[in-house]
């Protein structure tokens, strides 16, 4: 079975810390990269271990971006070709984690 892509989800607003639905997802990776860019510019980093309204507002955008990327990859899988060592090509298979969106 292929590795599952986890675009991410918001989880409950009642969670006190980062919701499991968001943790270890593509959206969380986007958030981490934003913090790296902010740090590289000497700017304050964004909080990541809370579930405040401000954090949820920001994460909503990251979840939407990640879901759009995963959906696009899934819909365009025939246009993506993986070349095997024997020279043959195949289209990838995507397994989407928690695909209830």
PDB file of N, CA and C in Angstrom:
ATOM      1  N   UNK A   1       0.845  -1.177   0.000  1.00  0.00           N
ATOM      2  CA  UNK A   1       0.000   0.000   0.000  1.00  0.00           C
ATOM      3  C   UNK A   1       0.890   1.240   0.000  1.00  0.00           C
ATOM      4  N   UNK A   2       0.549   2.243  -0.792  1.00  0.00           N
ATOM      5  CA  UNK A   2       1.372   3.447  -0.839  1.00  0.00           C
ATOM      6  C   UNK A   2       1.281   4.233   0.462  1.00  0.00           C
ATOM      7  N   UNK A   3       2.281   5.066   0.670  1.00  0.00           N
ATOM      8  CA  UNK A   3       2.246   5.972   1.812  1.00  0.00           C
ATOM      9  C   UNK A   3       1.056   6.902   1.658  1.00  0.00           C
ATOM     10  N   UNK A   4       0.349   7.132   2.749  1.00  0.00           N
ATOM     11  CA  UNK A   4      -0.836   7.975   2.687  1.00  0.00           C
ATOM     12  C   UNK A   4      -0.456   9.450   2.735  1.00  0.00           C
ATOM     13  N   UNK A   5      -1.119  10.233   1.898  1.00  0.00           N
ATOM     14  CA  UNK A   5      -0.988  11.678   1.947  1.00  0.00           C
ATOM     15  C   UNK A   5      -1.991  12.197   2.971  1.00  0.00           C
ATOM     16  N   UNK A   6      -1.534  13.039   3.870  1.00  0.00           N
ATOM     17  CA  UNK A   6      -2.418  13.616   4.887  1.00  0.00           C
ATOM     18  C   UNK A   6      -2.439  15.123   4.688  1.00  0.00           C
ATOM     19  N   UNK A   7      -3.445  15.634   3.967  1.00  0.00           N
ATOM     20  CA  UNK A   7      -3.482  17.080   3.742  1.00  0.00           C
ATOM     21  C   UNK A   7      -3.709  17.859   5.020  1.00  0.00           C
ATOM     22  N   UNK A   8      -4.504  17.314   5.925  1.00  0.00           N
ATOM     23  CA  UNK A   8      -4.761  17.973   7.195  1.00  0.00           C
ATOM     24  C   UNK A   8      -6.210  18.377   7.342  1.00  0.00           C
ATOM     25  N   UNK A   9      -6.592  18.616   8.564  1.00  0.00           N
ATOM     26  CA  UNK A   9      -7.933  19.065   8.897  1.00  0.00           C
ATOM     27  C   UNK A   9      -7.832  19.949  10.133  1.00  0.00           C
ATOM     28  N   UNK A  10      -8.914  20.596  10.465  1.00  0.00           N
ATOM     29  CA  UNK A  10      -8.897  21.569  11.555  1.00  0.00           C
ATOM     30  C   UNK A  10      -9.020  20.940  12.933  1.00  0.00           C
ATOM     31  N   UNK A  11      -9.697  19.829  13.068  1.00  0.00           N
ATOM     32  CA  UNK A  11      -9.939  19.277  14.389  1.00  0.00           C
ATOM     33  C   UNK A  11     -10.924  20.150  15.158  1.00  0.00           C
ATOM     34  N   UNK A  12     -11.125  19.818  16.388  1.00  0.00           N
ATOM     35  CA  UNK A  12     -12.088  20.540  17.213  1.00  0.00           C
ATOM     36  C   UNK A  12     -11.504  21.855  17.734  1.00  0.00           C
ATOM     37  N   UNK A  13     -12.304  22.921  17.734  1.00  0.00           N
ATOM     38  CA  UNK A  13     -11.829  24.171  18.324  1.00  0.00           C
ATOM     39  C   UNK A  13     -11.663  24.060  19.836  1.00  0.00           C
ATOM     40  N   UNK A  14     -12.155  22.992  20.428  1.00  0.00           N
ATOM     41  CA  UNK A  14     -12.040  22.795  21.871  1.00  0.00           C
ATOM     42  C   UNK A  14     -10.723  22.142  22.273  1.00  0.00           C
ATOM     43  N   UNK A  15      -9.968  21.618  21.292  1.00  0.00           N
ATOM     44  CA  UNK A  15      -8.650  21.051  21.602  1.00  0.00           C
ATOM     45  C   UNK A  15      -7.763  22.136  22.174  1.00  0.00           C
ATOM     46  N   UNK A  16      -7.049  21.831  23.235  1.00  0.00           N
ATOM     47  CA  UNK A  16      -6.193  22.828  23.863  1.00  0.00           C
ATOM     48  C   UNK A  16      -4.874  23.050  23.147  1.00  0.00           C
ATOM     49  N   UNK A  17      -4.419  22.041  22.429  1.00  0.00           N
ATOM     50  CA  UNK A  17      -3.168  22.152  21.681  1.00  0.00           C
ATOM     51  C   UNK A  17      -3.450  21.820  20.219  1.00  0.00           C
ATOM     52  N   UNK A  18      -2.402  21.588  19.477  1.00  0.00           N
ATOM     53  CA  UNK A  18      -2.556  21.273  18.054  1.00  0.00           C
ATOM     54  C   UNK A  18      -3.413  20.019  17.881  1.00  0.00           C
ATOM     55  N   UNK A  19      -4.523  20.117  17.147  1.00  0.00           N
ATOM     56  CA  UNK A  19      -5.379  18.944  16.938  1.00  0.00           C
ATOM     57  C   UNK A  19      -4.656  17.833  16.172  1.00  0.00           C
ATOM     58  N   UNK A  20      -4.966  16.605  16.500  1.00  0.00           N
ATOM     59  CA  UNK A  20      -4.388  15.446  15.819  1.00  0.00           C
ATOM     60  C   UNK A  20      -4.653  15.502  14.325  1.00  0.00           C
ATOM     61  N   UNK A  21      -5.814  16.016  13.946  1.00  0.00           N
ATOM     62  CA  UNK A  21      -6.177  16.100  12.526  1.00  0.00           C
ATOM     63  C   UNK A  21      -5.240  17.016  11.752  1.00  0.00           C
ATOM     64  N   UNK A  22      -4.594  17.958  12.444  1.00  0.00           N
ATOM     65  CA  UNK A  22      -3.668  18.891  11.800  1.00  0.00           C
ATOM     66  C   UNK A  22      -2.217  18.410  11.902  1.00  0.00           C
ATOM     67  N   UNK A  23      -1.883  17.778  13.007  1.00  0.00           N
ATOM     68  CA  UNK A  23      -0.497  17.364  13.270  1.00  0.00           C
ATOM     69  C   UNK A  23       0.013  16.405  12.197  1.00  0.00           C
ATOM     70  N   UNK A  24       1.277  16.528  11.859  1.00  0.00           N
ATOM     71  CA  UNK A  24       1.937  15.638  10.891  1.00  0.00           C
ATOM     72  C   UNK A  24       1.236  15.595   9.537  1.00  0.00           C
ATOM     73  N   UNK A  25       0.698  16.720   9.117  1.00  0.00           N
ATOM     74  CA  UNK A  25      -0.002  16.795   7.834  1.00  0.00           C
ATOM     75  C   UNK A  25       0.758  17.717   6.879  1.00  0.00           C
ATOM     76  N   UNK A  26       0.303  17.754   5.628  1.00  0.00           N
ATOM     77  CA  UNK A  26       0.873  18.680   4.658  1.00  0.00           C
ATOM     78  C   UNK A  26       0.653  20.120   5.123  1.00  0.00           C
ATOM     79  N   UNK A  27      -0.515  20.388   5.688  1.00  0.00           N
ATOM     80  CA  UNK A  27      -0.807  21.734   6.193  1.00  0.00           C
ATOM     81  C   UNK A  27       0.162  22.112   7.317  1.00  0.00           C
ATOM     82  N   UNK A  28       0.485  21.164   8.193  1.00  0.00           N
ATOM     83  CA  UNK A  28       1.447  21.427   9.271  1.00  0.00           C
ATOM     84  C   UNK A  28       2.838  21.690   8.698  1.00  0.00           C
ATOM     85  N   UNK A  29       3.189  20.987   7.622  1.00  0.00           N
ATOM     86  CA  UNK A  29       4.487  21.219   6.975  1.00  0.00           C
ATOM     87  C   UNK A  29       4.537  22.618   6.360  1.00  0.00           C
ATOM     88  N   UNK A  30       3.426  23.080   5.800  1.00  0.00           N
ATOM     89  CA  UNK A  30       3.359  24.439   5.248  1.00  0.00           C
ATOM     90  C   UNK A  30       3.554  25.457   6.371  1.00  0.00           C
ATOM     91  N   UNK A  31       2.896  25.223   7.491  1.00  0.00           N
ATOM     92  CA  UNK A  31       3.039  26.119   8.639  1.00  0.00           C
ATOM     93  C   UNK A  31       4.494  26.154   9.133  1.00  0.00           C
ATOM     94  N   UNK A  32       5.136  24.996   9.190  1.00  0.00           N
ATOM     95  CA  UNK A  32       6.536  24.923   9.632  1.00  0.00           C
ATOM     96  C   UNK A  32       7.455  25.674   8.674  1.00  0.00           C
ATOM     97  N   UNK A  33       7.208  25.553   7.372  1.00  0.00           N
ATOM     98  CA  UNK A  33       8.031  26.262   6.387  1.00  0.00           C
ATOM     99  C   UNK A  33       7.847  27.771   6.496  1.00  0.00           C
ATOM    100  N   UNK A  34       6.623  28.212   6.761  1.00  0.00           N
ATOM    101  CA  UNK A  34       6.391  29.640   6.967  1.00  0.00           C
ATOM    102  C   UNK A  34       7.206  30.130   8.157  1.00  0.00           C
ATOM    103  N   UNK A  35       7.227  29.373   9.231  1.00  0.00           N
ATOM    104  CA  UNK A  35       8.014  29.777  10.394  1.00  0.00           C
ATOM    105  C   UNK A  35       9.506  29.819  10.088  1.00  0.00           C
ATOM    106  N   UNK A  36       9.994  28.891   9.276  1.00  0.00           N
ATOM    107  CA  UNK A  36      11.412  28.918   8.876  1.00  0.00           C
ATOM    108  C   UNK A  36      11.728  30.186   8.087  1.00  0.00           C
ATOM    109  N   UNK A  37      10.820  30.556   7.183  1.00  0.00           N
ATOM    110  CA  UNK A  37      11.027  31.773   6.395  1.00  0.00           C
ATOM    111  C   UNK A  37      10.999  33.014   7.284  1.00  0.00           C
ATOM    112  N   UNK A  38      10.077  33.045   8.218  1.00  0.00           N
ATOM    113  CA  UNK A  38      10.008  34.178   9.149  1.00  0.00           C
ATOM    114  C   UNK A  38      11.290  34.267   9.967  1.00  0.00           C
ATOM    115  N   UNK A  39      11.757  33.137  10.469  1.00  0.00           N
ATOM    116  CA  UNK A  39      12.987  33.107  11.266  1.00  0.00           C
ATOM    117  C   UNK A  39      14.187  33.574  10.443  1.00  0.00           C
ATOM    118  N   UNK A  40      14.261  33.141   9.187  1.00  0.00           N
ATOM    119  CA  UNK A  40      15.375  33.527   8.317  1.00  0.00           C
ATOM    120  C   UNK A  40      15.425  35.035   8.085  1.00  0.00           C
ATOM    121  N   UNK A  41      14.271  35.680   8.167  1.00  0.00           N
ATOM    122  CA  UNK A  41      14.188  37.128   7.978  1.00  0.00           C
ATOM    123  C   UNK A  41      14.273  37.893   9.297  1.00  0.00           C
ATOM    124  N   UNK A  42      14.486  37.158  10.387  1.00  0.00           N
ATOM    125  CA  UNK A  42      14.566  37.805  11.689  1.00  0.00           C
ATOM    126  C   UNK A  42      13.221  38.283  12.215  1.00  0.00           C
ATOM    127  N   UNK A  43      12.151  37.690  11.721  1.00  0.00           N
ATOM    128  CA  UNK A  43      10.798  38.065  12.138  1.00  0.00           C
ATOM    129  C   UNK A  43      10.289  37.094  13.191  1.00  0.00           C
ATOM    130  N   UNK A  44       9.339  37.535  14.007  1.00  0.00           N
ATOM    131  CA  UNK A  44       8.795  36.628  15.022  1.00  0.00           C
ATOM    132  C   UNK A  44       8.072  35.445  14.379  1.00  0.00           C
ATOM    133  N   UNK A  45       8.278  34.270  14.963  1.00  0.00           N
ATOM    134  CA  UNK A  45       7.600  33.078  14.467  1.00  0.00           C
ATOM    135  C   UNK A  45       6.174  33.022  15.006  1.00  0.00           C
ATOM    136  N   UNK A  46       5.364  32.265  14.325  1.00  0.00           N
ATOM    137  CA  UNK A  46       3.966  32.103  14.708  1.00  0.00           C
ATOM    138  C   UNK A  46       3.825  30.966  15.716  1.00  0.00           C
ATOM    139  N   UNK A  47       2.896  31.083  16.655  1.00  0.00           N
ATOM    140  CA  UNK A  47       2.695  29.989  17.616  1.00  0.00           C
ATOM    141  C   UNK A  47       2.167  28.748  16.908  1.00  0.00           C
ATOM    142  N   UNK A  48       2.662  27.580  17.319  1.00  0.00           N
ATOM    143  CA  UNK A  48       2.230  26.339  16.683  1.00  0.00           C
ATOM    144  C   UNK A  48       1.688  25.318  17.679  1.00  0.00           C
ATOM    145  N   UNK A  49       1.834  25.549  18.954  1.00  0.00           N
ATOM    146  CA  UNK A  49       1.384  24.572  19.944  1.00  0.00           C
ATOM    147  C   UNK A  49       0.123  25.006  20.660  1.00  0.00           C
ATOM    148  N   UNK A  50      -0.699  25.755  19.977  1.00  0.00           N
ATOM    149  CA  UNK A  50      -1.970  26.157  20.563  1.00  0.00           C
ATOM    150  C   UNK A  50      -3.080  25.931  19.549  1.00  0.00           C
ATOM    151  N   UNK A  51      -4.276  26.247  19.925  1.00  0.00           N
ATOM    152  CA  UNK A  51      -5.427  26.076  19.042  1.00  0.00           C
ATOM    153  C   UNK A  51      -6.323  27.303  19.171  1.00  0.00           C
ATOM    154  N   UNK A  52      -5.674  28.456  19.325  1.00  0.00           N
ATOM    155  CA  UNK A  52      -6.409  29.698  19.497  1.00  0.00           C
ATOM    156  C   UNK A  52      -7.152  30.073  18.214  1.00  0.00           C
ATOM    157  N   UNK A  53      -8.029  31.024  18.330  1.00  0.00           N
ATOM    158  CA  UNK A  53      -8.781  31.481  17.157  1.00  0.00           C
ATOM    159  C   UNK A  53      -7.828  32.002  16.082  1.00  0.00           C
ATOM    160  N   UNK A  54      -6.829  32.769  16.503  1.00  0.00           N
ATOM    161  CA  UNK A  54      -5.855  33.303  15.548  1.00  0.00           C
ATOM    162  C   UNK A  54      -5.114  32.174  14.837  1.00  0.00           C
ATOM    163  N   UNK A  55      -4.672  31.173  15.580  1.00  0.00           N
ATOM    164  CA  UNK A  55      -3.964  30.038  14.990  1.00  0.00           C
ATOM    165  C   UNK A  55      -4.880  29.263  14.046  1.00  0.00           C
ATOM    166  N   UNK A  56      -6.123  29.048  14.451  1.00  0.00           N
ATOM    167  CA  UNK A  56      -7.078  28.327  13.602  1.00  0.00           C
ATOM    168  C   UNK A  56      -7.372  29.092  12.320  1.00  0.00           C
ATOM    169  N   UNK A  57      -7.446  30.416  12.413  1.00  0.00           N
ATOM    170  CA  UNK A  57      -7.677  31.226  11.208  1.00  0.00           C
ATOM    171  C   UNK A  57      -6.546  31.038  10.204  1.00  0.00           C
ATOM    172  N   UNK A  58      -5.319  31.041  10.686  1.00  0.00           N
ATOM    173  CA  UNK A  58      -4.163  30.846   9.815  1.00  0.00           C
ATOM    174  C   UNK A  58      -4.163  29.423   9.256  1.00  0.00           C
ATOM    175  N   UNK A  59      -4.403  28.453  10.108  1.00  0.00           N
ATOM    176  CA  UNK A  59      -4.357  27.051   9.685  1.00  0.00           C
ATOM    177  C   UNK A  59      -5.449  26.709   8.681  1.00  0.00           C
ATOM    178  N   UNK A  60      -6.554  27.401   8.740  1.00  0.00           N
ATOM    179  CA  UNK A  60      -7.638  27.156   7.771  1.00  0.00           C
ATOM    180  C   UNK A  60      -7.110  27.356   6.351  1.00  0.00           C
ATOM    181  N   UNK A  61      -6.299  28.389   6.150  1.00  0.00           N
ATOM    182  CA  UNK A  61      -5.706  28.637   4.838  1.00  0.00           C
ATOM    183  C   UNK A  61      -4.754  27.512   4.455  1.00  0.00           C
ATOM    184  N   UNK A  62      -3.913  27.078   5.400  1.00  0.00           N
ATOM    185  CA  UNK A  62      -2.961  26.014   5.100  1.00  0.00           C
ATOM    186  C   UNK A  62      -3.663  24.702   4.776  1.00  0.00           C
ATOM    187  N   UNK A  63      -4.738  24.393   5.491  1.00  0.00           N
ATOM    188  CA  UNK A  63      -5.509  23.176   5.222  1.00  0.00           C
ATOM    189  C   UNK A  63      -6.133  23.263   3.832  1.00  0.00           C
ATOM    190  N   UNK A  64      -6.671  24.420   3.483  1.00  0.00           N
ATOM    191  CA  UNK A  64      -7.284  24.590   2.164  1.00  0.00           C
ATOM    192  C   UNK A  64      -6.244  24.411   1.059  1.00  0.00           C
ATOM    193  N   UNK A  65      -5.065  24.978   1.230  1.00  0.00           N
ATOM    194  CA  UNK A  65      -4.001  24.833   0.234  1.00  0.00           C
ATOM    195  C   UNK A  65      -3.600  23.364   0.101  1.00  0.00           C
ATOM    196  N   UNK A  66      -3.370  22.699   1.230  1.00  0.00           N
ATOM    197  CA  UNK A  66      -2.939  21.302   1.204  1.00  0.00           C
ATOM    198  C   UNK A  66      -3.996  20.409   0.563  1.00  0.00           C
ATOM    199  N   UNK A  67      -5.268  20.625   0.904  1.00  0.00           N
ATOM    200  CA  UNK A  67      -6.330  19.822   0.304  1.00  0.00           C
ATOM    201  C   UNK A  67      -6.423  20.058  -1.194  1.00  0.00           C
ATOM    202  N   UNK A  68      -6.248  21.295  -1.605  1.00  0.00           N
ATOM    203  CA  UNK A  68      -6.278  21.601  -3.035  1.00  0.00           C
ATOM    204  C   UNK A  68      -5.144  20.925  -3.777  1.00  0.00           C
ATOM    205  N   UNK A  69      -3.955  20.908  -3.190  1.00  0.00           N
ATOM    206  CA  UNK A  69      -2.802  20.251  -3.820  1.00  0.00           C
ATOM    207  C   UNK A  69      -3.056  18.754  -3.936  1.00  0.00           C
ATOM    208  N   UNK A  70      -3.507  18.131  -2.848  1.00  0.00           N
ATOM    209  CA  UNK A  70      -3.748  16.684  -2.864  1.00  0.00           C
ATOM    210  C   UNK A  70      -4.859  16.332  -3.852  1.00  0.00           C
ATOM    211  N   UNK A  71      -5.935  17.099  -3.832  1.00  0.00           N
ATOM    212  CA  UNK A  71      -7.040  16.832  -4.768  1.00  0.00           C
ATOM    213  C   UNK A  71      -6.549  16.970  -6.218  1.00  0.00           C
ATOM    214  N   UNK A  72      -5.761  17.993  -6.487  1.00  0.00           N
ATOM    215  CA  UNK A  72      -5.246  18.201  -7.844  1.00  0.00           C
ATOM    216  C   UNK A  72      -4.352  17.023  -8.261  1.00  0.00           C
ATOM    217  N   UNK A  73      -3.459  16.600  -7.378  1.00  0.00           N
ATOM    218  CA  UNK A  73      -2.600  15.459  -7.700  1.00  0.00           C
ATOM    219  C   UNK A  73      -3.429  14.213  -7.987  1.00  0.00           C
ATOM    220  N   UNK A  74      -4.440  13.994  -7.169  1.00  0.00           N
ATOM    221  CA  UNK A  74      -5.298  12.826  -7.351  1.00  0.00           C
ATOM    222  C   UNK A  74      -6.040  12.891  -8.695  1.00  0.00           C
ATOM    223  N   UNK A  75      -6.562  14.059  -9.037  1.00  0.00           N
ATOM    224  CA  UNK A  75      -7.322  14.206 -10.279  1.00  0.00           C
ATOM    225  C   UNK A  75      -6.433  14.182 -11.519  1.00  0.00           C
ATOM    226  N   UNK A  76      -5.171  14.511 -11.349  1.00  0.00           N
ATOM    227  CA  UNK A  76      -4.259  14.570 -12.495  1.00  0.00           C
ATOM    228  C   UNK A  76      -3.258  13.423 -12.515  1.00  0.00           C
ATOM    229  N   UNK A  77      -3.531  12.375 -11.779  1.00  0.00           N
ATOM    230  CA  UNK A  77      -2.545  11.295 -11.635  1.00  0.00           C
ATOM    231  C   UNK A  77      -2.097  10.707 -12.972  1.00  0.00           C
ATOM    232  N   UNK A  78      -2.967  10.699 -13.974  1.00  0.00           N
ATOM    233  CA  UNK A  78      -2.595  10.146 -15.281  1.00  0.00           C
ATOM    234  C   UNK A  78      -1.547  11.005 -15.991  1.00  0.00           C
ATOM    235  N   UNK A  79      -1.454  12.267 -15.623  1.00  0.00           N
ATOM    236  CA  UNK A  79      -0.459  13.137 -16.260  1.00  0.00           C
ATOM    237  C   UNK A  79       0.889  13.078 -15.545  1.00  0.00           C
ATOM    238  N   UNK A  80       0.946  12.390 -14.412  1.00  0.00           N
ATOM    239  CA  UNK A  80       2.189  12.217 -13.662  1.00  0.00           C
ATOM    240  C   UNK A  80       2.718  10.826 -13.971  1.00  0.00           C
ATOM    241  N   UNK A  81       3.922  10.749 -14.459  1.00  0.00           N
ATOM    242  CA  UNK A  81       4.509   9.464 -14.806  1.00  0.00           C
ATOM    243  C   UNK A  81       5.756   9.224 -13.967  1.00  0.00           C
ATOM    244  N   UNK A  82       5.842   8.012 -13.448  1.00  0.00           N
ATOM    245  CA  UNK A  82       7.005   7.581 -12.686  1.00  0.00           C
ATOM    246  C   UNK A  82       7.753   6.584 -13.555  1.00  0.00           C
ATOM    247  N   UNK A  83       9.034   6.830 -13.748  1.00  0.00           N
ATOM    248  CA  UNK A  83       9.825   5.924 -14.579  1.00  0.00           C
ATOM    249  C   UNK A  83      10.521   4.908 -13.687  1.00  0.00           C
ATOM    250  N   UNK A  84      10.274   3.658 -13.991  1.00  0.00           N
ATOM    251  CA  UNK A  84      10.901   2.560 -13.250  1.00  0.00           C
ATOM    252  C   UNK A  84      12.320   2.350 -13.757  1.00  0.00           C
ATOM    253  N   UNK A  85      13.084   1.599 -12.989  1.00  0.00           N
ATOM    254  CA  UNK A  85      14.470   1.326 -13.378  1.00  0.00           C
ATOM    255  C   UNK A  85      14.554   0.528 -14.670  1.00  0.00           C
ATOM    256  N   UNK A  86      13.480  -0.218 -15.010  1.00  0.00           N
ATOM    257  CA  UNK A  86      13.506  -0.987 -16.259  1.00  0.00           C
ATOM    258  C   UNK A  86      13.042  -0.155 -17.458  1.00  0.00           C
ATOM    259  N   UNK A  87      12.773   1.137 -17.226  1.00  0.00           N
ATOM    260  CA  UNK A  87      12.396   2.024 -18.317  1.00  0.00           C
ATOM    261  C   UNK A  87      10.899   2.177 -18.527  1.00  0.00           C
ATOM    262  N   UNK A  88      10.087   1.330 -17.910  1.00  0.00           N
ATOM    263  CA  UNK A  88       8.640   1.463 -18.060  1.00  0.00           C
ATOM    264  C   UNK A  88       8.123   2.611 -17.189  1.00  0.00           C
ATOM    265  N   UNK A  89       6.982   3.127 -17.575  1.00  0.00           N
ATOM    266  CA  UNK A  89       6.384   4.228 -16.828  1.00  0.00           C
ATOM    267  C   UNK A  89       5.033   3.811 -16.271  1.00  0.00           C
ATOM    268  N   UNK A  90       4.721   4.338 -15.097  1.00  0.00           N
ATOM    269  CA  UNK A  90       3.417   4.089 -14.473  1.00  0.00           C
ATOM    270  C   UNK A  90       2.908   5.393 -13.871  1.00  0.00           C
ATOM    271  N   UNK A  91       1.602   5.478 -13.705  1.00  0.00           N
ATOM    272  CA  UNK A  91       1.003   6.600 -12.986  1.00  0.00           C
ATOM    273  C   UNK A  91       0.970   6.229 -11.506  1.00  0.00           C
ATOM    274  N   UNK A  92       1.226   7.189 -10.634  1.00  0.00           N
ATOM    275  CA  UNK A  92       1.259   6.877  -9.199  1.00  0.00           C
ATOM    276  C   UNK A  92      -0.134   6.571  -8.655  1.00  0.00           C
ATOM    277  N   UNK A  93      -0.139   5.853  -7.555  1.00  0.00           N
ATOM    278  CA  UNK A  93      -1.367   5.592  -6.810  1.00  0.00           C
ATOM    279  C   UNK A  93      -1.306   6.423  -5.543  1.00  0.00           C
ATOM    280  N   UNK A  94      -2.370   7.154  -5.269  1.00  0.00           N
ATOM    281  CA  UNK A  94      -2.418   7.983  -4.077  1.00  0.00           C
ATOM    282  C   UNK A  94      -3.371   7.374  -3.065  1.00  0.00           C
ATOM    283  N   UNK A  95      -2.937   7.288  -1.840  1.00  0.00           N
ATOM    284  CA  UNK A  95      -3.814   6.905  -0.742  1.00  0.00           C
ATOM    285  C   UNK A  95      -3.980   8.157   0.107  1.00  0.00           C
ATOM    286  N   UNK A  96      -5.203   8.611   0.254  1.00  0.00           N
ATOM    287  CA  UNK A  96      -5.472   9.850   0.973  1.00  0.00           C
ATOM    288  C   UNK A  96      -5.944   9.517   2.376  1.00  0.00           C
ATOM    289  N   UNK A  97      -5.244  10.040   3.369  1.00  0.00           N
ATOM    290  CA  UNK A  97      -5.593   9.834   4.767  1.00  0.00           C
ATOM    291  C   UNK A  97      -6.871  10.587   5.113  1.00  0.00           C
ATOM    292  N   UNK A  98      -7.818   9.903   5.707  1.00  0.00           N
ATOM    293  CA  UNK A  98      -9.033  10.546   6.196  1.00  0.00           C
ATOM    294  C   UNK A  98      -9.782  11.329   5.148  1.00  0.00           C
ATOM    295  N   UNK A  99      -9.972  10.762   3.991  1.00  0.00           N
ATOM    296  CA  UNK A  99     -10.588  11.491   2.882  1.00  0.00           C
ATOM    297  C   UNK A  99     -12.092  11.611   3.089  1.00  0.00           C
ATOM    298  N   UNK A 100     -12.459  12.476   4.002  1.00  0.00           N
ATOM    299  CA  UNK A 100     -13.875  12.736   4.237  1.00  0.00           C
ATOM    300  C   UNK A 100     -14.186  14.188   3.970  1.00  0.00           C
ATOM    301  N   UNK A 101     -13.384  14.791   3.158  1.00  0.00           N
ATOM    302  CA  UNK A 101     -13.588  16.203   2.800  1.00  0.00           C
ATOM    303  C   UNK A 101     -13.909  16.261   1.343  1.00  0.00           C
TER     304      UNK A 101
END
